[in-house]
């Protein structure tokens, strides 16, 4: 059974990333466009509007598995800022200050920074992998004096 679970781990990680990315994207959409039961934020208001942009863009990138580690790091940092700057004023613990979502997103996105996107990610498609590897390989060959 452990072997079976081990083989499924990269796919479970991908599913985890997709769900977290979808939920993070929904938070951004709700705040930016005033849908899903949330009021629309005025453009440029600090820090809410900027956090919503990070949620929308970062969440979409995490959802697609495109630049996952970077997008997750920025998103995690924004949620840490939200927790300590906005929520913690109302109390120390997330249950007291309404910061459960900020704490949850901060830690789950940080996990994705270290674990990566899983196997079902756009970063793994040849169109995204090949261009980077080919240009890096050509530069390496030129550096070593190997004809291309």
C-alpha atoms as a PDB file:
ATOM      1  CA  UNK A   1       0.000   0.000   0.000  1.00  0.00           C
ATOM      2  CA  UNK A   2       2.850   2.393   0.763  1.00  0.00           C
ATOM      3  CA  UNK A   3       4.221   1.838  -2.739  1.00  0.00           C
ATOM      4  CA  UNK A   4       0.822   2.592  -4.277  1.00  0.00           C
ATOM      5  CA  UNK A   5       0.527   5.773  -2.239  1.00  0.00           C
ATOM      6  CA  UNK A   6       4.065   6.766  -3.157  1.00  0.00           C
ATOM      7  CA  UNK A   7       3.283   6.465  -6.861  1.00  0.00           C
ATOM      8  CA  UNK A   8       0.210   8.658  -6.436  1.00  0.00           C
ATOM      9  CA  UNK A   9       2.047  11.379  -4.499  1.00  0.00           C
ATOM     10  CA  UNK A  10       3.013  13.582  -7.496  1.00  0.00           C
ATOM     11  CA  UNK A  11      -0.595  13.497  -8.731  1.00  0.00           C
ATOM     12  CA  UNK A  12      -1.988  14.248  -5.267  1.00  0.00           C
ATOM     13  CA  UNK A  13       0.431  17.176  -5.028  1.00  0.00           C
ATOM     14  CA  UNK A  14      -0.826  18.448  -8.390  1.00  0.00           C
ATOM     15  CA  UNK A  15      -4.430  18.176  -7.239  1.00  0.00           C
ATOM     16  CA  UNK A  16      -3.547  19.996  -3.994  1.00  0.00           C
ATOM     17  CA  UNK A  17      -1.862  22.776  -5.998  1.00  0.00           C
ATOM     18  CA  UNK A  18      -4.847  23.098  -8.335  1.00  0.00           C
ATOM     19  CA  UNK A  19      -7.346  23.391  -5.472  1.00  0.00           C
ATOM     20  CA  UNK A  20      -5.221  25.910  -3.548  1.00  0.00           C
ATOM     21  CA  UNK A  21      -4.676  27.936  -6.731  1.00  0.00           C
ATOM     22  CA  UNK A  22      -8.385  27.915  -7.538  1.00  0.00           C
ATOM     23  CA  UNK A  23      -9.351  29.065  -4.045  1.00  0.00           C
ATOM     24  CA  UNK A  24      -6.681  31.792  -4.036  1.00  0.00           C
ATOM     25  CA  UNK A  25      -7.835  32.980  -7.470  1.00  0.00           C
ATOM     26  CA  UNK A  26     -11.453  33.101  -6.265  1.00  0.00           C
ATOM     27  CA  UNK A  27     -10.433  35.382  -3.376  1.00  0.00           C
ATOM     28  CA  UNK A  28      -8.801  37.763  -5.849  1.00  0.00           C
ATOM     29  CA  UNK A  29     -11.764  37.705  -8.245  1.00  0.00           C
ATOM     30  CA  UNK A  30     -14.227  38.315  -5.417  1.00  0.00           C
ATOM     31  CA  UNK A  31     -12.337  41.332  -4.101  1.00  0.00           C
ATOM     32  CA  UNK A  32     -11.446  42.903  -7.448  1.00  0.00           C
ATOM     33  CA  UNK A  33     -14.832  42.496  -9.129  1.00  0.00           C
ATOM     34  CA  UNK A  34     -17.238  42.502  -6.177  1.00  0.00           C
ATOM     35  CA  UNK A  35     -18.637  39.035  -6.823  1.00  0.00           C
ATOM     36  CA  UNK A  36     -19.068  35.860  -4.787  1.00  0.00           C
ATOM     37  CA  UNK A  37     -20.547  37.767  -1.867  1.00  0.00           C
ATOM     38  CA  UNK A  38     -17.761  40.291  -1.395  1.00  0.00           C
ATOM     39  CA  UNK A  39     -17.753  44.031  -1.930  1.00  0.00           C
ATOM     40  CA  UNK A  40     -15.568  45.398  -4.721  1.00  0.00           C
ATOM     41  CA  UNK A  41     -12.400  47.152  -3.587  1.00  0.00           C
ATOM     42  CA  UNK A  42     -11.573  50.557  -5.003  1.00  0.00           C
ATOM     43  CA  UNK A  43      -8.654  50.407  -7.413  1.00  0.00           C
ATOM     44  CA  UNK A  44      -5.318  51.217  -5.828  1.00  0.00           C
ATOM     45  CA  UNK A  45      -6.432  51.052  -2.189  1.00  0.00           C
ATOM     46  CA  UNK A  46      -3.694  49.857   0.134  1.00  0.00           C
ATOM     47  CA  UNK A  47      -3.272  47.017   0.998  1.00  0.00           C
ATOM     48  CA  UNK A  48      -6.490  45.259  -0.035  1.00  0.00           C
ATOM     49  CA  UNK A  49      -6.525  45.984  -3.753  1.00  0.00           C
ATOM     50  CA  UNK A  50      -2.875  45.018  -4.191  1.00  0.00           C
ATOM     51  CA  UNK A  51      -3.427  41.821  -2.211  1.00  0.00           C
ATOM     52  CA  UNK A  52      -6.391  41.010  -4.474  1.00  0.00           C
ATOM     53  CA  UNK A  53      -4.231  41.462  -7.590  1.00  0.00           C
ATOM     54  CA  UNK A  54      -1.603  39.152  -6.086  1.00  0.00           C
ATOM     55  CA  UNK A  55      -4.353  36.640  -5.266  1.00  0.00           C
ATOM     56  CA  UNK A  56      -5.790  36.739  -8.786  1.00  0.00           C
ATOM     57  CA  UNK A  57      -2.537  36.586 -10.730  1.00  0.00           C
ATOM     58  CA  UNK A  58      -0.620  34.395  -8.283  1.00  0.00           C
ATOM     59  CA  UNK A  59      -3.575  32.084  -7.792  1.00  0.00           C
ATOM     60  CA  UNK A  60      -3.999  31.645 -11.554  1.00  0.00           C
ATOM     61  CA  UNK A  61      -0.297  30.862 -11.966  1.00  0.00           C
ATOM     62  CA  UNK A  62      -0.400  28.341  -9.110  1.00  0.00           C
ATOM     63  CA  UNK A  63      -3.584  26.821 -10.537  1.00  0.00           C
ATOM     64  CA  UNK A  64      -1.954  26.344 -13.946  1.00  0.00           C
ATOM     65  CA  UNK A  65       1.375  25.231 -12.540  1.00  0.00           C
ATOM     66  CA  UNK A  66       3.238  28.006 -14.318  1.00  0.00           C
ATOM     67  CA  UNK A  67       6.006  29.594 -12.263  1.00  0.00           C
ATOM     68  CA  UNK A  68       4.473  27.879  -9.245  1.00  0.00           C
ATOM     69  CA  UNK A  69       7.296  28.338  -6.770  1.00  0.00           C
ATOM     70  CA  UNK A  70       7.698  32.070  -7.435  1.00  0.00           C
ATOM     71  CA  UNK A  71       3.955  32.773  -7.503  1.00  0.00           C
ATOM     72  CA  UNK A  72       3.462  30.754  -4.316  1.00  0.00           C
ATOM     73  CA  UNK A  73       6.287  32.614  -2.562  1.00  0.00           C
ATOM     74  CA  UNK A  74       4.812  36.023  -3.427  1.00  0.00           C
ATOM     75  CA  UNK A  75       1.331  34.846  -2.419  1.00  0.00           C
ATOM     76  CA  UNK A  76       2.593  33.388   0.848  1.00  0.00           C
ATOM     77  CA  UNK A  77       4.364  36.619   1.689  1.00  0.00           C
ATOM     78  CA  UNK A  78       1.273  38.678   0.956  1.00  0.00           C
ATOM     79  CA  UNK A  79      -0.814  36.449   3.218  1.00  0.00           C
ATOM     80  CA  UNK A  80       1.778  36.701   6.004  1.00  0.00           C
ATOM     81  CA  UNK A  81       1.612  40.479   5.651  1.00  0.00           C
ATOM     82  CA  UNK A  82      -2.201  40.350   5.727  1.00  0.00           C
ATOM     83  CA  UNK A  83      -2.160  38.260   8.876  1.00  0.00           C
ATOM     84  CA  UNK A  84       0.359  40.309  10.830  1.00  0.00           C
ATOM     85  CA  UNK A  85      -0.661  43.762   9.579  1.00  0.00           C
ATOM     86  CA  UNK A  86      -4.441  43.438   9.304  1.00  0.00           C
ATOM     87  CA  UNK A  87      -5.706  40.491  11.339  1.00  0.00           C
ATOM     88  CA  UNK A  88      -3.396  40.363  14.333  1.00  0.00           C
ATOM     89  CA  UNK A  89      -4.580  43.785  15.501  1.00  0.00           C
ATOM     90  CA  UNK A  90      -7.849  42.114  16.555  1.00  0.00           C
ATOM     91  CA  UNK A  91      -6.220  39.298  18.537  1.00  0.00           C
ATOM     92  CA  UNK A  92      -3.290  36.914  18.626  1.00  0.00           C
ATOM     93  CA  UNK A  93      -4.906  33.702  17.381  1.00  0.00           C
ATOM     94  CA  UNK A  94      -6.494  33.287  13.940  1.00  0.00           C
ATOM     95  CA  UNK A  95      -9.756  32.109  15.501  1.00  0.00           C
ATOM     96  CA  UNK A  96      -9.922  35.397  17.427  1.00  0.00           C
ATOM     97  CA  UNK A  97      -8.993  37.765  14.628  1.00  0.00           C
ATOM     98  CA  UNK A  98     -10.631  36.212  11.542  1.00  0.00           C
ATOM     99  CA  UNK A  99      -7.268  35.444   9.979  1.00  0.00           C
ATOM    100  CA  UNK A 100      -7.783  31.725   9.381  1.00  0.00           C
ATOM    101  CA  UNK A 101      -7.820  32.106   5.594  1.00  0.00           C
ATOM    102  CA  UNK A 102      -4.697  34.297   5.610  1.00  0.00           C
ATOM    103  CA  UNK A 103      -2.821  31.839   7.840  1.00  0.00           C
ATOM    104  CA  UNK A 104      -4.016  28.854   5.812  1.00  0.00           C
ATOM    105  CA  UNK A 105      -3.012  30.383   2.477  1.00  0.00           C
ATOM    106  CA  UNK A 106       0.322  31.562   3.873  1.00  0.00           C
ATOM    107  CA  UNK A 107       1.325  28.073   4.983  1.00  0.00           C
ATOM    108  CA  UNK A 108      -0.132  26.102   2.065  1.00  0.00           C
ATOM    109  CA  UNK A 109       1.512  28.374  -0.477  1.00  0.00           C
ATOM    110  CA  UNK A 110       4.787  28.138   1.434  1.00  0.00           C
ATOM    111  CA  UNK A 111       4.498  24.350   1.226  1.00  0.00           C
ATOM    112  CA  UNK A 112       4.158  24.635  -2.563  1.00  0.00           C
ATOM    113  CA  UNK A 113       7.331  26.743  -2.675  1.00  0.00           C
ATOM    114  CA  UNK A 114       9.269  23.790  -1.275  1.00  0.00           C
ATOM    115  CA  UNK A 115       7.354  20.881  -2.806  1.00  0.00           C
ATOM    116  CA  UNK A 116       6.911  22.247  -6.325  1.00  0.00           C
ATOM    117  CA  UNK A 117       3.919  21.922  -8.645  1.00  0.00           C
ATOM    118  CA  UNK A 118       3.644  18.149  -9.032  1.00  0.00           C
ATOM    119  CA  UNK A 119       3.544  16.338 -12.364  1.00  0.00           C
ATOM    120  CA  UNK A 120       0.427  17.957 -13.810  1.00  0.00           C
ATOM    121  CA  UNK A 121       1.796  21.447 -14.341  1.00  0.00           C
ATOM    122  CA  UNK A 122       2.218  23.664 -17.385  1.00  0.00           C
ATOM    123  CA  UNK A 123       5.885  24.090 -16.468  1.00  0.00           C
ATOM    124  CA  UNK A 124       6.338  20.431 -17.354  1.00  0.00           C
ATOM    125  CA  UNK A 125       5.001  20.818 -20.909  1.00  0.00           C
ATOM    126  CA  UNK A 126       7.691  20.553 -23.599  1.00  0.00           C
ATOM    127  CA  UNK A 127       6.864  24.014 -24.933  1.00  0.00           C
ATOM    128  CA  UNK A 128       7.896  25.533 -21.571  1.00  0.00           C
ATOM    129  CA  UNK A 129      10.683  23.108 -20.709  1.00  0.00           C
ATOM    130  CA  UNK A 130      12.334  22.796 -24.123  1.00  0.00           C
ATOM    131  CA  UNK A 131      12.981  26.469 -24.804  1.00  0.00           C
ATOM    132  CA  UNK A 132      14.742  26.952 -21.499  1.00  0.00           C
ATOM    133  CA  UNK A 133      16.790  23.782 -21.751  1.00  0.00           C
ATOM    134  CA  UNK A 134      17.755  24.318 -25.394  1.00  0.00           C
ATOM    135  CA  UNK A 135      18.962  27.857 -24.816  1.00  0.00           C
ATOM    136  CA  UNK A 136      20.826  26.785 -21.671  1.00  0.00           C
ATOM    137  CA  UNK A 137      22.365  23.836 -23.531  1.00  0.00           C
ATOM    138  CA  UNK A 138      23.476  26.041 -26.410  1.00  0.00           C
ATOM    139  CA  UNK A 139      25.052  28.527 -24.004  1.00  0.00           C
ATOM    140  CA  UNK A 140      26.823  25.667 -22.190  1.00  0.00           C
ATOM    141  CA  UNK A 141      28.172  24.258 -25.465  1.00  0.00           C
ATOM    142  CA  UNK A 142      29.412  27.672 -26.552  1.00  0.00           C
ATOM    143  CA  UNK A 143      31.098  28.164 -23.194  1.00  0.00           C
ATOM    144  CA  UNK A 144      32.859  24.792 -23.485  1.00  0.00           C
ATOM    145  CA  UNK A 145      33.942  25.500 -27.069  1.00  0.00           C
ATOM    146  CA  UNK A 146      31.821  22.645 -28.440  1.00  0.00           C
ATOM    147  CA  UNK A 147      30.387  23.410 -31.898  1.00  0.00           C
ATOM    148  CA  UNK A 148      26.595  23.663 -31.909  1.00  0.00           C
END
